[in-house]
Amino acid sequence: MIPLIWNEALSGITGSISLAAWVFLLLPQLLENYQQGSAEGISLSFLLIWFVGDVTNLVGAIWAGLVPTVTALAIYFCFADAILISQCLFYRSANKNKNHPSTSTDERTTLLNSTNNGATSTKKTRQNSTSSIPGSLTRTRTTSSSAQNPTHNLSAIPEEKSTSRTRTYAKNTLSVFLILAVGTAGWAIAYKTGAWRPQPTGRHEETDEGTPLGASILGYASAVCYLGARIPQILKNQRERSCEGLSLLFFVLSVVGNATYGAGILFHSLEKTYVLTNLPWLIGSLGTMVEDGVIFGQFSAFGEKKEVEEVESAVV
């Protein structure tokens, strides 16, 4: 039995944590879309480019003969991407049909609005006629003064925003700890049962004959797709000045998965041949963390837009 050394143990643990993060990665966004009944918050271009990256990653991983977990994960991601893209297309089609009713419905709506406008006009006339009644002016002034002095309503806004943000942070932090625990426990079980075994670091120099050119090209193509996929989402958030409809936990798990994936490779070996073999996947994983940082900044700047608009409409 090969003895377990510290760097191999860390490589196994971080790799298992990465696997757990990837398995649960898309679930928060799928749930967010379901709860909103819409997928307008996420860029479809982002998902499509990411899907192309996963396909090239899968083919390149098989061609390069990477470890089975990488290949299995790539297959899983292709299916998960297809589910998320299908959900987005479904909601966009359904909401588009809702926003374009039939002509007969429009005519009925116009007739109903005209009837309501007539009723509103009659109501205003009656209100004006009753304003001279003793006591009615006092009630009107009282109502107006409370509407013009919304300080008592606004005083609770910072506390509500703080409570909501605290709940979000607590939920995301708990989710990350659960991913870390599941990944570590999974590695421990795999090691005890013999499903995972350490590999000597010097083995790559002796047996690796280099990565096929086609696999390297596909690997770098997937890295370019991963790096470019988030750009449409970043531009969309900036243009709309909102991250509404996006799951923050989705991007948190992406950072966890990418960080532990890169750490698992580097903990295993720093040999030149081994690092060059995995370089495209390292670039794709670690490079996207920078773009995720930009999206975190947008969440911080724009994430509360919906709440602010609701408060302003309530005050008015």
Protein backbone atom coordinates (compact mmCIF):
# COMPACT_ATOMS: atom_id res chain seq x y z
CA MET A 1 0.00 0.00 0.00
CA ILE A 2 1.35 3.43 -0.99
CA PRO A 3 1.91 5.60 2.10
CA LEU A 4 -0.21 8.73 2.38
CA ILE A 5 1.75 11.98 2.53
CA TRP A 6 0.39 15.39 3.41
CA ASN A 7 0.31 16.91 -0.08
CA GLU A 8 -1.52 13.89 -1.51
CA ALA A 9 -4.04 14.05 1.32
CA LEU A 10 -4.66 17.75 0.68
CA SER A 11 -4.92 17.09 -3.06
CA GLY A 12 -7.54 14.41 -2.43
CA ILE A 13 -9.51 16.52 0.04
CA THR A 14 -9.56 19.65 -2.11
CA GLY A 15 -10.44 17.61 -5.18
CA SER A 16 -13.35 16.01 -3.34
CA ILE A 17 -14.56 19.42 -2.09
CA SER A 18 -14.38 20.73 -5.65
CA LEU A 19 -16.45 17.79 -6.84
CA ALA A 20 -19.11 18.49 -4.18
CA ALA A 21 -19.22 22.19 -5.12
CA TRP A 22 -19.65 21.38 -8.82
CA VAL A 23 -22.40 18.85 -8.18
CA PHE A 24 -24.52 21.43 -6.31
CA LEU A 25 -23.40 24.47 -8.33
CA LEU A 26 -26.40 24.96 -10.62
CA LEU A 27 -29.09 24.09 -8.07
CA PRO A 28 -29.26 27.59 -6.47
CA GLN A 29 -29.83 29.25 -9.87
CA LEU A 30 -32.39 26.64 -10.90
CA LEU A 31 -34.24 27.27 -7.62
CA GLU A 32 -33.96 31.06 -8.04
CA ASN A 33 -35.51 30.88 -11.51
CA TYR A 34 -38.30 28.64 -10.20
CA GLN A 35 -39.11 30.97 -7.29
CA GLN A 36 -39.09 34.05 -9.52
CA GLY A 37 -41.04 32.34 -12.29
CA SER A 38 -38.60 33.99 -14.65
CA ALA A 39 -35.05 33.67 -16.00
CA GLU A 40 -34.56 37.27 -17.06
CA GLY A 41 -31.82 37.85 -14.51
CA ILE A 42 -29.30 35.46 -16.07
CA SER A 43 -27.75 36.08 -19.48
CA LEU A 44 -28.57 33.38 -22.01
CA SER A 45 -25.31 34.18 -23.84
CA PHE A 46 -23.47 33.41 -20.60
CA LEU A 47 -25.08 29.96 -20.41
CA LEU A 48 -24.57 29.12 -24.08
CA ILE A 49 -20.87 30.04 -24.08
CA TRP A 50 -20.42 28.14 -20.83
CA PHE A 51 -22.10 25.10 -22.40
CA VAL A 52 -19.68 25.21 -25.33
CA GLY A 53 -16.83 25.39 -22.81
CA ASP A 54 -18.15 22.31 -20.99
CA VAL A 55 -18.45 20.34 -24.24
CA THR A 56 -14.89 21.17 -25.32
CA ASN A 57 -13.72 20.46 -21.77
CA LEU A 58 -15.33 17.01 -21.89
CA VAL A 59 -13.81 16.06 -25.24
CA GLY A 60 -10.41 17.45 -24.26
CA ALA A 61 -10.42 15.64 -20.91
CA ILE A 62 -11.21 12.31 -22.58
CA TRP A 63 -8.58 12.90 -25.26
CA ALA A 64 -5.91 13.90 -22.74
CA GLY A 65 -6.70 10.94 -20.49
CA LEU A 66 -7.32 13.05 -17.39
CA VAL A 67 -8.46 11.48 -14.12
CA PRO A 68 -11.94 9.87 -14.21
CA THR A 69 -13.44 12.41 -11.80
CA VAL A 70 -12.71 15.25 -14.26
CA THR A 71 -14.34 13.34 -17.11
CA ALA A 72 -17.37 12.33 -15.04
CA LEU A 73 -17.80 15.90 -13.85
CA ALA A 74 -17.63 17.22 -17.42
CA ILE A 75 -20.39 14.80 -18.47
CA TYR A 76 -22.53 15.86 -15.51
CA PHE A 77 -22.05 19.54 -16.35
CA CYS A 78 -23.15 19.08 -19.95
CA PHE A 79 -26.44 17.58 -18.73
CA ALA A 80 -26.86 20.21 -16.00
CA ASP A 81 -26.19 23.03 -18.49
CA ALA A 82 -28.82 21.61 -20.82
CA ILE A 83 -31.37 21.56 -17.97
CA LEU A 84 -30.65 25.17 -16.95
CA ILE A 85 -30.75 26.43 -20.55
CA SER A 86 -34.02 24.57 -21.16
CA GLN A 87 -35.51 26.14 -18.01
CA CYS A 88 -34.48 29.62 -19.15
CA LEU A 89 -35.95 29.11 -22.63
CA PHE A 90 -39.17 27.78 -21.11
CA TYR A 91 -39.67 30.76 -18.80
CA ARG A 92 -38.80 33.27 -21.51
CA SER A 93 -41.28 31.70 -23.90
CA ALA A 94 -44.01 31.46 -21.25
CA ASN A 95 -43.55 35.06 -20.08
CA LYS A 96 -43.44 36.31 -23.66
CA ASN A 97 -46.84 34.75 -24.33
CA LYS A 98 -48.23 36.36 -21.17
CA ASN A 99 -47.04 39.79 -22.30
CA HIS A 100 -48.73 39.46 -25.71
CA PRO A 101 -52.44 38.68 -25.13
CA SER A 102 -54.96 38.31 -27.95
CA THR A 103 -56.66 41.27 -29.63
CA SER A 104 -60.04 40.44 -28.12
CA THR A 105 -58.53 40.52 -24.67
CA ASP A 106 -56.99 43.94 -25.39
CA GLU A 107 -60.38 45.26 -26.47
CA ARG A 108 -62.04 43.96 -23.31
CA THR A 109 -59.24 45.50 -21.22
CA THR A 110 -59.67 48.89 -22.95
CA LEU A 111 -63.42 48.82 -22.34
CA LEU A 112 -62.90 47.89 -18.69
CA ASN A 113 -60.37 50.70 -18.21
CA SER A 114 -62.73 53.26 -19.73
CA THR A 115 -65.48 52.08 -17.38
CA ASN A 116 -63.14 52.30 -14.40
CA ASN A 117 -62.04 55.81 -15.43
CA GLY A 118 -65.66 56.90 -15.52
CA ALA A 119 -66.26 55.46 -12.09
CA THR A 120 -63.13 57.14 -10.75
CA SER A 121 -64.26 60.51 -12.14
CA THR A 122 -67.66 60.12 -10.47
CA LYS A 123 -65.95 59.20 -7.19
CA LYS A 124 -63.72 62.29 -7.31
CA THR A 125 -66.78 64.49 -7.90
CA ARG A 126 -68.50 63.03 -4.85
CA GLN A 127 -65.35 63.53 -2.77
CA ASN A 128 -65.15 67.20 -3.78
CA SER A 129 -68.79 67.69 -2.87
CA THR A 130 -68.29 66.19 0.56
CA SER A 131 -65.13 68.16 1.36
CA SER A 132 -67.28 71.00 2.77
CA ILE A 133 -68.84 68.73 5.37
CA PRO A 134 -67.52 69.54 8.89
CA GLY A 135 -64.80 67.13 9.93
CA SER A 136 -63.99 65.94 6.39
CA LEU A 137 -61.23 68.55 5.92
CA THR A 138 -59.59 67.45 9.17
CA ARG A 139 -59.47 63.85 8.04
CA THR A 140 -58.04 64.88 4.65
CA ARG A 141 -55.31 66.96 6.27
CA THR A 142 -54.45 64.16 8.65
CA THR A 143 -54.07 61.69 5.79
CA SER A 144 -52.05 64.16 3.72
CA SER A 145 -49.73 64.96 6.59
CA SER A 146 -48.98 61.27 7.18
CA ALA A 147 -48.28 60.81 3.46
CA GLN A 148 -46.04 63.88 3.35
CA ASN A 149 -44.14 62.75 6.45
CA PRO A 150 -42.94 59.20 5.67
CA THR A 151 -40.13 59.31 8.24
CA HIS A 152 -41.81 56.71 10.40
CA ASN A 153 -41.97 54.36 7.40
CA LEU A 154 -38.36 54.96 6.32
CA SER A 155 -36.93 54.44 9.79
CA ALA A 156 -37.41 50.68 9.50
CA ILE A 157 -35.72 50.39 6.07
CA PRO A 158 -32.07 50.10 7.21
CA GLU A 159 -33.01 47.51 9.80
CA GLU A 160 -34.97 45.43 7.26
CA LYS A 161 -32.15 45.62 4.69
CA SER A 162 -29.60 44.64 7.31
CA THR A 163 -31.71 41.69 8.45
CA SER A 164 -32.22 40.48 4.88
CA ARG A 165 -28.52 40.77 4.06
CA THR A 166 -27.57 38.98 7.29
CA ARG A 167 -29.89 36.10 6.43
CA THR A 168 -28.36 35.83 2.96
CA TYR A 169 -24.81 35.80 4.33
CA ALA A 170 -25.74 33.21 6.95
CA LYS A 171 -27.38 30.96 4.36
CA ASN A 172 -24.42 31.19 1.98
CA THR A 173 -21.87 30.63 4.76
CA LEU A 174 -23.75 27.59 6.03
CA SER A 175 -23.93 26.21 2.47
CA VAL A 176 -20.17 26.61 2.01
CA PHE A 177 -19.44 24.84 5.31
CA LEU A 178 -21.75 21.99 4.29
CA ILE A 179 -19.93 21.66 0.96
CA LEU A 180 -16.58 21.57 2.78
CA ALA A 181 -17.90 18.93 5.19
CA VAL A 182 -19.45 16.77 2.48
CA GLY A 183 -16.32 16.95 0.34
CA THR A 184 -13.99 16.07 3.22
CA ALA A 185 -16.22 13.24 4.41
CA GLY A 186 -16.47 11.90 0.87
CA TRP A 187 -12.70 11.80 0.53
CA ALA A 188 -12.31 10.06 3.92
CA ILE A 189 -14.82 7.38 2.97
CA ALA A 190 -13.19 6.89 -0.44
CA TYR A 191 -9.75 6.55 1.17
CA LYS A 192 -10.90 4.09 3.83
CA THR A 193 -12.71 1.91 1.30
CA GLY A 194 -9.84 2.00 -1.19
CA ALA A 195 -11.81 3.89 -3.86
CA TRP A 196 -9.21 6.66 -3.75
CA ARG A 197 -5.48 5.95 -3.62
CA PRO A 198 -2.53 8.35 -3.60
CA GLN A 199 -0.29 8.46 -6.67
CA PRO A 200 3.47 8.95 -6.48
CA THR A 201 4.46 12.39 -7.70
CA GLY A 202 7.40 11.07 -9.68
CA ARG A 203 5.16 8.90 -11.76
CA HIS A 204 4.33 11.68 -14.23
CA GLU A 205 7.95 12.11 -15.34
CA GLU A 206 8.23 8.41 -16.11
CA THR A 207 4.95 7.64 -17.84
CA ASP A 208 3.62 10.88 -19.29
CA GLU A 209 4.49 11.16 -22.97
CA GLY A 210 2.90 14.57 -23.34
CA THR A 211 -0.62 15.77 -24.05
CA PRO A 212 -1.98 15.24 -27.58
CA LEU A 213 -2.07 18.47 -29.58
CA GLY A 214 -5.80 18.19 -30.24
CA ALA A 215 -6.55 17.74 -26.53
CA SER A 216 -4.45 20.79 -25.70
CA ILE A 217 -6.29 22.88 -28.29
CA LEU A 218 -9.66 21.80 -26.90
CA GLY A 219 -8.45 22.46 -23.37
CA TYR A 220 -7.43 26.01 -24.22
CA ALA A 221 -10.67 26.51 -26.16
CA SER A 222 -12.65 25.54 -23.06
CA ALA A 223 -10.55 27.94 -20.98
CA VAL A 224 -11.34 30.78 -23.41
CA CYS A 225 -15.05 29.92 -23.25
CA TYR A 226 -15.05 29.87 -19.45
CA LEU A 227 -13.26 33.21 -19.30
CA GLY A 228 -15.51 34.79 -21.93
CA ALA A 229 -18.81 33.38 -20.69
CA ARG A 230 -19.14 35.73 -17.74
CA ILE A 231 -18.54 38.86 -19.82
CA PRO A 232 -22.15 39.03 -21.17
CA GLN A 233 -23.45 38.58 -17.61
CA ILE A 234 -21.19 41.31 -16.25
CA LEU A 235 -22.25 43.69 -19.05
CA LYS A 236 -25.93 42.86 -18.48
CA ASN A 237 -25.66 43.58 -14.76
CA GLN A 238 -23.86 46.86 -15.43
CA ARG A 239 -26.31 47.95 -18.12
CA GLU A 240 -29.37 47.24 -15.95
CA ARG A 241 -27.60 48.22 -12.72
CA SER A 242 -29.17 45.21 -11.08
CA CYS A 243 -28.38 41.60 -10.13
CA GLU A 244 -32.02 40.75 -9.59
CA GLY A 245 -32.79 37.18 -10.61
CA LEU A 246 -29.24 35.93 -10.03
CA SER A 247 -28.35 33.56 -7.21
CA LEU A 248 -25.38 34.80 -5.19
CA LEU A 249 -24.80 31.27 -3.90
CA PHE A 250 -24.35 30.10 -7.50
CA PHE A 251 -21.25 32.29 -7.86
CA VAL A 252 -20.03 31.54 -4.33
CA LEU A 253 -20.00 27.81 -5.09
CA SER A 254 -18.28 28.56 -8.39
CA VAL A 255 -15.42 30.25 -6.53
CA VAL A 256 -15.21 27.37 -4.04
CA GLY A 257 -15.17 24.81 -6.84
CA ASN A 258 -12.57 26.64 -8.93
CA ALA A 259 -10.28 27.39 -5.99
CA THR A 260 -10.28 23.83 -4.66
CA TYR A 261 -9.95 22.39 -8.17
CA GLY A 262 -6.79 24.38 -8.82
CA ALA A 263 -5.47 23.62 -5.35
CA GLY A 264 -6.05 19.90 -5.85
CA ILE A 265 -3.94 19.91 -9.02
CA LEU A 266 -1.10 21.94 -7.51
CA PHE A 267 -1.05 20.02 -4.23
CA HIS A 268 -0.67 16.80 -6.17
CA SER A 269 2.43 17.82 -8.09
CA LEU A 270 4.38 20.85 -9.27
CA GLU A 271 6.29 18.90 -11.90
CA LYS A 272 6.60 20.80 -15.15
CA THR A 273 5.07 18.09 -17.36
CA TYR A 274 2.11 17.59 -15.03
CA VAL A 275 1.41 21.32 -14.67
CA LEU A 276 1.61 21.87 -18.44
CA THR A 277 -0.80 19.00 -19.02
CA ASN A 278 -3.35 20.63 -16.71
CA LEU A 279 -2.53 24.25 -17.60
CA PRO A 280 -5.62 24.90 -19.78
CA TRP A 281 -7.91 23.67 -17.01
CA LEU A 282 -5.99 25.70 -14.43
CA ILE A 283 -6.36 28.85 -16.52
CA GLY A 284 -10.07 28.24 -17.04
CA SER A 285 -10.73 27.54 -13.36
CA LEU A 286 -8.54 30.12 -11.67
CA GLY A 287 -9.12 32.85 -14.26
CA THR A 288 -12.88 32.87 -13.78
CA MET A 289 -12.41 33.62 -10.10
CA VAL A 290 -11.34 37.15 -11.04
CA GLU A 291 -14.54 37.66 -13.03
CA ASP A 292 -16.59 36.22 -10.20
CA GLY A 293 -15.01 38.87 -8.01
CA VAL A 294 -16.38 41.52 -10.39
CA ILE A 295 -19.86 39.99 -10.11
CA PHE A 296 -19.59 40.01 -6.31
CA GLY A 297 -18.86 43.73 -6.54
CA GLN A 298 -21.98 44.17 -8.68
CA PHE A 299 -24.05 42.27 -6.13
CA SER A 300 -22.78 44.65 -3.46
CA ALA A 301 -23.54 47.74 -5.58
CA PHE A 302 -26.77 46.74 -7.34
CA GLY A 303 -28.19 43.85 -5.37
CA GLU A 304 -30.64 45.95 -3.33
CA LYS A 305 -32.13 47.81 -6.30
CA LYS A 306 -35.45 45.98 -6.12
CA GLU A 307 -35.87 46.73 -2.42
CA VAL A 308 -35.08 50.43 -2.94
CA GLU A 309 -37.61 50.71 -5.78
CA GLU A 310 -40.27 49.02 -3.66
CA VAL A 311 -39.60 51.44 -0.79
CA GLU A 312 -39.73 54.47 -3.10
CA SER A 313 -43.02 53.34 -4.63
CA ALA A 314 -44.45 52.75 -1.16
CA VAL A 315 -43.44 56.26 -0.03
CA VAL A 316 -44.94 57.89 -3.12
